[in-house]
Amino acid sequence: MPRRVFITGSTGYLGRATGAALVARGHFVQGLCRAGSESRLPLGVIPTLGDPLDADSYAAALAPDHVVVHLVGTPKPAPWKAESFVRVDLGSVQQLVHATRTSPVSHVVYVSVAHPAPAMHAYISARERAEAALVARRLPLTLVRPWYVLGPRHRWPLLLVPLYWMADRIPSLRDGARRLGLVTLEQMVRALVDAVETADSQSRVWNVDRIRGRVRE
């Protein structure tokens, strides 16, 4: 059954691929984007002009039957981008929470990050605070927690595959290796489409195994 979907971060790495996949499956998709970036939206995604860091710029475009897929984040996260994690990653979620107070939606799908983890502490902290803000809002919520999404120009972690293989065979390291496992862009998009199509009044958390399709609800 077609859904109404509102994507933030719609012109980015995940947003473009997810928007195109949702349109291909017959959903009505709106993409939040800044003026001048409409041409970067996939064919069939309807532009909604606004700023994800300013709730008042897009709140009126939200509808009660929208499934919001929130994909805003700092490009290519790195330890030295801590200020951006707070301002953009956390700030955009805080603005989304504000927007849904005046314009409630049916469900939010939020791409967070796998945790706990031994690295990227500032990034994880911002995403954990974002999750907490969404949970406190008490809207139906799907938290999707990948660690790294492999795709075009995002393939350097493939060098770590032998380390993952070894860690998976050491009992004390196995859980961490699986929680922080790599997923492909195709797996991530498939999981996000599935999250939209199965969104209901329940909240849930999808980890790497769920993203890979190894476990089902």
Foldseek 3Di string as FASTA:
>chain_A
DAAEEEEEVLLDDLNQVLQVVSVVVPHQAEYEDAPPCPVSHPPRHHYQHDDLLALVSCLVVAAARYEYEYDKADPPDDLVCLVRLQRIVLSSLVSVLVSCVVHPYQEYEYEAAQDDDPDPVSNNVSRVNSVVSVVVSLHAYEYEHAHAEDDVVRPVCVVCVVVLVVLCVDVVRNVVSQQHDYHYSVLQSVLVSVCVVPGGRHHDYHTNCVSNVVDDD
